[in-house]
Amino acid sequence: MIKDKITQGLRAAMFNSTKKTEDTNKEQGFFICSNKDGTLAPSRIRCEGETCQIKVSRSPKPCPGEIQGFFHTHPQKLGFEKKIGRNVTEEEKRHLTYTDSRGMESTAQMPSYSDIITIFITKCERYTNGTICTAGDLEPDKVGCWTAKKDSTSHMNCARARVDKMLSRELEGSPKKWIRPLFDIETIDLK
């Protein structure tokens, strides 16, 4: 679990990225770095775009210490408002859930299956500590973080994730049932 390790700098970077998404309707993202004292901070490397993909490469190293994982935002407000034909109220924002093509329920802070598979594979490869945090512009004060459990990266689970990433057509929906128990899930309040 990472909730108690988040620095004010990381908290501010998450909040500001979500607000920027609300203003630009573009994803924002960065690496989450693990400091020597165990606290977590944002990287200087950032991304912005229709899809925010930070290239996972071995160099240049994005963090001075270990890479805990990644954070990025999902712009959802504009699309949802177009769908319902009006602005979303504050009350509606707090209770919004979505249903994907498989009937799985999702929230503004839930990472996509693609997010989960990617971070899980980076943990299998020992490149990150396996955390993905996401936030949506519908609830900019909340972040959902999924961290792969220590004993989750068996050869079989890692192989299944790699095959699923190559073959699955449903990477943009909510995470599949098989992978959910391999993660600790928490919601972080940025207020």
C-alpha atoms as a PDB file:
ATOM      1  CA  MET A   1       0.000   0.000   0.000  1.00  0.00           C
ATOM      2  CA  ILE A   2       1.301   3.441  -0.853  1.00  0.00           C
ATOM      3  CA  LYS A   3      -1.128   5.884   0.769  1.00  0.00           C
ATOM      4  CA  ASP A   4       1.167   6.717   3.703  1.00  0.00           C
ATOM      5  CA  LYS A   5       4.245   7.165   1.499  1.00  0.00           C
ATOM      6  CA  ILE A   6       2.915   9.958  -0.719  1.00  0.00           C
ATOM      7  CA  THR A   7       4.754  13.275  -0.352  1.00  0.00           C
ATOM      8  CA  GLN A   8       3.033  16.648  -0.608  1.00  0.00           C
ATOM      9  CA  GLY A   9       4.889  17.116  -3.912  1.00  0.00           C
ATOM     10  CA  LEU A  10       3.351  13.963  -5.359  1.00  0.00           C
ATOM     11  CA  ARG A  11      -0.080  14.854  -4.010  1.00  0.00           C
ATOM     12  CA  ALA A  12       0.172  18.313  -5.628  1.00  0.00           C
ATOM     13  CA  ALA A  13       1.426  16.877  -8.952  1.00  0.00           C
ATOM     14  CA  MET A  14      -1.511  14.434  -9.076  1.00  0.00           C
ATOM     15  CA  PHE A  15      -4.038  17.163  -8.279  1.00  0.00           C
ATOM     16  CA  ASN A  16      -2.523  19.665 -10.744  1.00  0.00           C
ATOM     17  CA  SER A  17      -2.402  17.036 -13.514  1.00  0.00           C
ATOM     18  CA  THR A  18      -6.066  16.234 -12.978  1.00  0.00           C
ATOM     19  CA  LYS A  19      -6.997  19.920 -13.053  1.00  0.00           C
ATOM     20  CA  LYS A  20      -4.962  20.353 -16.257  1.00  0.00           C
ATOM     21  CA  THR A  21      -6.867  17.428 -17.782  1.00  0.00           C
ATOM     22  CA  GLU A  22     -10.113  19.154 -16.857  1.00  0.00           C
ATOM     23  CA  ASP A  23      -8.903  22.315 -18.647  1.00  0.00           C
ATOM     24  CA  THR A  24      -7.360  20.694 -21.754  1.00  0.00           C
ATOM     25  CA  ASN A  25      -9.307  17.419 -22.107  1.00  0.00           C
ATOM     26  CA  LYS A  26      -5.930  15.650 -22.532  1.00  0.00           C
ATOM     27  CA  GLU A  27      -4.285  12.956 -20.453  1.00  0.00           C
ATOM     28  CA  GLN A  28      -1.383  13.977 -18.194  1.00  0.00           C
ATOM     29  CA  GLY A  29       1.109  11.599 -16.631  1.00  0.00           C
ATOM     30  CA  PHE A  30       4.453  10.928 -14.962  1.00  0.00           C
ATOM     31  CA  PHE A  31       6.489   8.234 -13.230  1.00  0.00           C
ATOM     32  CA  ILE A  32       6.083   7.750  -9.477  1.00  0.00           C
ATOM     33  CA  CYS A  33       9.561   7.620  -7.912  1.00  0.00           C
ATOM     34  CA  SER A  34      10.477   5.836  -4.687  1.00  0.00           C
ATOM     35  CA  ASN A  35      12.933   7.882  -2.626  1.00  0.00           C
ATOM     36  CA  LYS A  36      15.657   6.366  -0.445  1.00  0.00           C
ATOM     37  CA  ASP A  37      13.559   7.079   2.666  1.00  0.00           C
ATOM     38  CA  GLY A  38      10.604   5.138   1.199  1.00  0.00           C
ATOM     39  CA  THR A  39       8.501   8.196   0.346  1.00  0.00           C
ATOM     40  CA  LEU A  40       7.061   8.671  -3.146  1.00  0.00           C
ATOM     41  CA  ALA A  41       7.541  11.678  -5.426  1.00  0.00           C
ATOM     42  CA  PRO A  42       6.735  12.590  -9.048  1.00  0.00           C
ATOM     43  CA  SER A  43       9.342  12.303 -11.803  1.00  0.00           C
ATOM     44  CA  ARG A  44      10.367  15.271 -13.894  1.00  0.00           C
ATOM     45  CA  ILE A  45       9.521  13.286 -17.039  1.00  0.00           C
ATOM     46  CA  ARG A  46       5.926  14.080 -18.047  1.00  0.00           C
ATOM     47  CA  CYS A  47       3.558  13.251 -20.860  1.00  0.00           C
ATOM     48  CA  GLU A  48       0.464  14.914 -22.282  1.00  0.00           C
ATOM     49  CA  GLY A  49      -1.814  13.916 -25.122  1.00  0.00           C
ATOM     50  CA  GLU A  50      -4.839  12.060 -26.399  1.00  0.00           C
ATOM     51  CA  THR A  51      -3.253   9.001 -24.828  1.00  0.00           C
ATOM     52  CA  CYS A  52      -0.464   9.608 -22.352  1.00  0.00           C
ATOM     53  CA  GLN A  53       2.136   6.914 -22.784  1.00  0.00           C
ATOM     54  CA  ILE A  54       5.464   7.276 -21.081  1.00  0.00           C
ATOM     55  CA  LYS A  55       7.860   5.041 -22.920  1.00  0.00           C
ATOM     56  CA  VAL A  56       9.174   2.432 -20.539  1.00  0.00           C
ATOM     57  CA  SER A  57      12.866   2.285 -21.263  1.00  0.00           C
ATOM     58  CA  ARG A  58      15.961   1.494 -19.274  1.00  0.00           C
ATOM     59  CA  SER A  59      17.622   4.832 -20.036  1.00  0.00           C
ATOM     60  CA  PRO A  60      17.555   7.629 -19.263  1.00  0.00           C
ATOM     61  CA  LYS A  61      16.452   6.568 -15.826  1.00  0.00           C
ATOM     62  CA  PRO A  62      13.351   8.615 -14.867  1.00  0.00           C
ATOM     63  CA  CYS A  63      13.864   8.362 -11.093  1.00  0.00           C
ATOM     64  CA  PRO A  64      16.924   8.782  -8.867  1.00  0.00           C
ATOM     65  CA  GLY A  65      15.897   5.671  -6.908  1.00  0.00           C
ATOM     66  CA  GLU A  66      13.448   2.912  -7.773  1.00  0.00           C
ATOM     67  CA  ILE A  67      10.429   3.412 -10.014  1.00  0.00           C
ATOM     68  CA  GLN A  68       7.313   2.733  -7.967  1.00  0.00           C
ATOM     69  CA  GLY A  69       5.079   2.988 -11.021  1.00  0.00           C
ATOM     70  CA  PHE A  70       3.081   5.442 -13.103  1.00  0.00           C
ATOM     71  CA  PHE A  71       0.336   8.040 -12.694  1.00  0.00           C
ATOM     72  CA  HIS A  72      -1.907   9.364 -15.419  1.00  0.00           C
ATOM     73  CA  THR A  73      -5.280  10.987 -15.848  1.00  0.00           C
ATOM     74  CA  HIS A  74      -8.338  10.038 -17.882  1.00  0.00           C
ATOM     75  CA  PRO A  75     -10.384  12.854 -19.450  1.00  0.00           C
ATOM     76  CA  GLN A  76     -13.984  11.718 -19.048  1.00  0.00           C
ATOM     77  CA  LYS A  77     -16.107  14.754 -18.255  1.00  0.00           C
ATOM     78  CA  LEU A  78     -16.519  16.145 -21.779  1.00  0.00           C
ATOM     79  CA  GLY A  79     -17.446  12.772 -23.291  1.00  0.00           C
ATOM     80  CA  PHE A  80     -19.912  12.003 -20.533  1.00  0.00           C
ATOM     81  CA  GLU A  81     -21.560  15.421 -20.830  1.00  0.00           C
ATOM     82  CA  LYS A  82     -21.917  14.957 -24.608  1.00  0.00           C
ATOM     83  CA  LYS A  83     -23.536  11.586 -23.964  1.00  0.00           C
ATOM     84  CA  ILE A  84     -26.135  12.948 -21.507  1.00  0.00           C
ATOM     85  CA  GLY A  85     -26.563  16.333 -23.246  1.00  0.00           C
ATOM     86  CA  ARG A  86     -25.877  18.537 -20.213  1.00  0.00           C
ATOM     87  CA  ASN A  87     -23.312  19.391 -17.566  1.00  0.00           C
ATOM     88  CA  VAL A  88     -22.628  16.825 -14.850  1.00  0.00           C
ATOM     89  CA  THR A  89     -23.666  18.027 -11.387  1.00  0.00           C
ATOM     90  CA  GLU A  90     -21.336  17.800  -8.366  1.00  0.00           C
ATOM     91  CA  GLU A  91     -23.642  15.213  -6.798  1.00  0.00           C
ATOM     92  CA  GLU A  92     -23.573  13.069  -9.956  1.00  0.00           C
ATOM     93  CA  LYS A  93     -19.756  13.211 -10.052  1.00  0.00           C
ATOM     94  CA  ARG A  94     -19.547  11.545  -6.633  1.00  0.00           C
ATOM     95  CA  HIS A  95     -21.714   8.602  -7.682  1.00  0.00           C
ATOM     96  CA  LEU A  96     -20.712   7.967 -11.290  1.00  0.00           C
ATOM     97  CA  THR A  97     -19.858   4.463 -12.371  1.00  0.00           C
ATOM     98  CA  TYR A  98     -19.500   3.063 -15.863  1.00  0.00           C
ATOM     99  CA  THR A  99     -20.156  -0.347 -17.326  1.00  0.00           C
ATOM    100  CA  ASP A 100     -17.754  -1.640 -19.967  1.00  0.00           C
ATOM    101  CA  SER A 101     -18.483  -4.013 -22.855  1.00  0.00           C
ATOM    102  CA  ARG A 102     -18.044  -7.052 -20.555  1.00  0.00           C
ATOM    103  CA  GLY A 103     -20.528  -5.687 -18.004  1.00  0.00           C
ATOM    104  CA  MET A 104     -17.750  -4.841 -15.511  1.00  0.00           C
ATOM    105  CA  GLU A 105     -18.334  -1.744 -13.398  1.00  0.00           C
ATOM    106  CA  SER A 106     -15.725   1.020 -13.401  1.00  0.00           C
ATOM    107  CA  THR A 107     -15.225   4.388 -11.706  1.00  0.00           C
ATOM    108  CA  ALA A 108     -13.399   7.590 -12.677  1.00  0.00           C
ATOM    109  CA  GLN A 109     -10.314   6.416 -10.752  1.00  0.00           C
ATOM    110  CA  MET A 110     -10.149   2.856 -12.087  1.00  0.00           C
ATOM    111  CA  PRO A 111      -7.265   2.101 -14.432  1.00  0.00           C
ATOM    112  CA  SER A 112      -8.018   0.425 -17.737  1.00  0.00           C
ATOM    113  CA  TYR A 113      -7.118  -3.198 -18.314  1.00  0.00           C
ATOM    114  CA  SER A 114      -4.287  -1.940 -20.546  1.00  0.00           C
ATOM    115  CA  ASP A 115      -2.943   0.142 -17.623  1.00  0.00           C
ATOM    116  CA  ILE A 116      -3.073  -2.871 -15.297  1.00  0.00           C
ATOM    117  CA  ILE A 117      -1.468  -5.301 -17.747  1.00  0.00           C
ATOM    118  CA  THR A 118       1.324  -2.842 -18.597  1.00  0.00           C
ATOM    119  CA  ILE A 119       2.241  -2.122 -14.970  1.00  0.00           C
ATOM    120  CA  PHE A 120       2.021  -5.805 -14.065  1.00  0.00           C
ATOM    121  CA  ILE A 121       4.445  -6.730 -16.855  1.00  0.00           C
ATOM    122  CA  THR A 122       6.872  -4.003 -15.720  1.00  0.00           C
ATOM    123  CA  LYS A 123       6.801  -5.567 -12.235  1.00  0.00           C
ATOM    124  CA  CYS A 124       7.386  -9.019 -13.729  1.00  0.00           C
ATOM    125  CA  GLU A 125      10.427  -7.544 -15.501  1.00  0.00           C
ATOM    126  CA  ARG A 126      11.545  -5.909 -12.212  1.00  0.00           C
ATOM    127  CA  TYR A 127      11.522  -2.463 -13.841  1.00  0.00           C
ATOM    128  CA  THR A 128       8.911  -1.015 -11.449  1.00  0.00           C
ATOM    129  CA  ASN A 129       7.411  -1.885  -8.082  1.00  0.00           C
ATOM    130  CA  GLY A 130       4.073  -2.392  -9.850  1.00  0.00           C
ATOM    131  CA  THR A 131       1.905   0.627  -8.977  1.00  0.00           C
ATOM    132  CA  ILE A 132      -0.512   2.327 -11.373  1.00  0.00           C
ATOM    133  CA  CYS A 133      -2.434   5.373 -10.155  1.00  0.00           C
ATOM    134  CA  THR A 134      -5.163   7.003 -12.214  1.00  0.00           C
ATOM    135  CA  ALA A 135      -7.537   9.899 -11.751  1.00  0.00           C
ATOM    136  CA  GLY A 136     -10.365  11.322 -13.807  1.00  0.00           C
ATOM    137  CA  ASP A 137     -11.518  14.870 -14.347  1.00  0.00           C
ATOM    138  CA  LEU A 138     -14.961  13.928 -13.027  1.00  0.00           C
ATOM    139  CA  GLU A 139     -13.526  13.535  -9.508  1.00  0.00           C
ATOM    140  CA  PRO A 140     -10.229  15.485  -9.513  1.00  0.00           C
ATOM    141  CA  ASP A 141      -9.706  15.099  -5.767  1.00  0.00           C
ATOM    142  CA  LYS A 142      -9.552  11.270  -5.810  1.00  0.00           C
ATOM    143  CA  VAL A 143      -6.898   8.906  -7.198  1.00  0.00           C
ATOM    144  CA  GLY A 144      -7.186   5.142  -7.562  1.00  0.00           C
ATOM    145  CA  CYS A 145      -3.945   3.233  -7.020  1.00  0.00           C
ATOM    146  CA  TRP A 146      -3.396  -0.448  -7.779  1.00  0.00           C
ATOM    147  CA  THR A 147      -0.155  -2.029  -6.543  1.00  0.00           C
ATOM    148  CA  ALA A 148       0.789  -5.556  -7.536  1.00  0.00           C
ATOM    149  CA  LYS A 149       1.142  -7.777  -4.471  1.00  0.00           C
ATOM    150  CA  LYS A 150       4.637  -9.034  -3.640  1.00  0.00           C
ATOM    151  CA  ASP A 151       3.827 -12.683  -4.327  1.00  0.00           C
ATOM    152  CA  SER A 152       1.742 -12.007  -7.453  1.00  0.00           C
ATOM    153  CA  THR A 153       4.423 -12.219 -10.131  1.00  0.00           C
ATOM    154  CA  SER A 154       4.696 -15.979 -10.527  1.00  0.00           C
ATOM    155  CA  HIS A 155       5.929 -17.252 -13.875  1.00  0.00           C
ATOM    156  CA  MET A 156       2.374 -18.332 -14.754  1.00  0.00           C
ATOM    157  CA  ASN A 157       0.789 -14.935 -13.929  1.00  0.00           C
ATOM    158  CA  CYS A 158       3.497 -13.035 -15.822  1.00  0.00           C
ATOM    159  CA  ALA A 159       3.124 -15.294 -18.870  1.00  0.00           C
ATOM    160  CA  ARG A 160      -0.654 -14.909 -18.811  1.00  0.00           C
ATOM    161  CA  ALA A 161      -0.333 -11.106 -18.678  1.00  0.00           C
ATOM    162  CA  ARG A 162       2.061 -11.048 -21.646  1.00  0.00           C
ATOM    163  CA  VAL A 163      -0.184 -13.303 -23.739  1.00  0.00           C
ATOM    164  CA  ASP A 164      -3.303 -11.324 -22.776  1.00  0.00           C
ATOM    165  CA  LYS A 165      -1.621  -8.052 -23.770  1.00  0.00           C
ATOM    166  CA  MET A 166      -0.781  -9.478 -27.199  1.00  0.00           C
ATOM    167  CA  LEU A 167      -4.121 -11.183 -27.875  1.00  0.00           C
ATOM    168  CA  SER A 168      -6.820  -9.301 -25.997  1.00  0.00           C
ATOM    169  CA  ARG A 169      -9.169  -6.984 -27.834  1.00  0.00           C
ATOM    170  CA  GLU A 170     -10.627  -5.606 -24.615  1.00  0.00           C
ATOM    171  CA  LEU A 171      -7.614  -3.742 -23.218  1.00  0.00           C
ATOM    172  CA  GLU A 172      -9.494  -0.464 -22.814  1.00  0.00           C
ATOM    173  CA  GLY A 173     -12.221  -1.829 -20.554  1.00  0.00           C
ATOM    174  CA  SER A 174     -11.979  -2.296 -16.814  1.00  0.00           C
ATOM    175  CA  PRO A 175      -9.488  -4.873 -15.472  1.00  0.00           C
ATOM    176  CA  LYS A 176     -10.447  -8.513 -15.991  1.00  0.00           C
ATOM    177  CA  LYS A 177     -11.477 -10.612 -13.006  1.00  0.00           C
ATOM    178  CA  TRP A 178      -8.402 -12.892 -13.070  1.00  0.00           C
ATOM    179  CA  ILE A 179      -5.953 -10.065 -12.446  1.00  0.00           C
ATOM    180  CA  ARG A 180      -7.816  -8.093  -9.758  1.00  0.00           C
ATOM    181  CA  PRO A 181      -6.837 -10.363  -6.801  1.00  0.00           C
ATOM    182  CA  LEU A 182      -3.158  -9.856  -7.705  1.00  0.00           C
ATOM    183  CA  PHE A 183      -3.351  -6.183  -6.653  1.00  0.00           C
ATOM    184  CA  ASP A 184      -3.838  -4.155  -3.487  1.00  0.00           C
ATOM    185  CA  ILE A 185      -6.321  -1.399  -4.360  1.00  0.00           C
ATOM    186  CA  GLU A 186      -6.692   1.911  -2.570  1.00  0.00           C
ATOM    187  CA  THR A 187      -8.290   5.307  -3.126  1.00  0.00           C
ATOM    188  CA  ILE A 188      -6.276   8.371  -2.202  1.00  0.00           C
ATOM    189  CA  ASP A 189      -8.075  11.577  -1.269  1.00  0.00           C
ATOM    190  CA  LEU A 190      -6.119  14.598  -2.510  1.00  0.00           C
ATOM    191  CA  LYS A 191      -8.006  17.111  -0.365  1.00  0.00           C
END
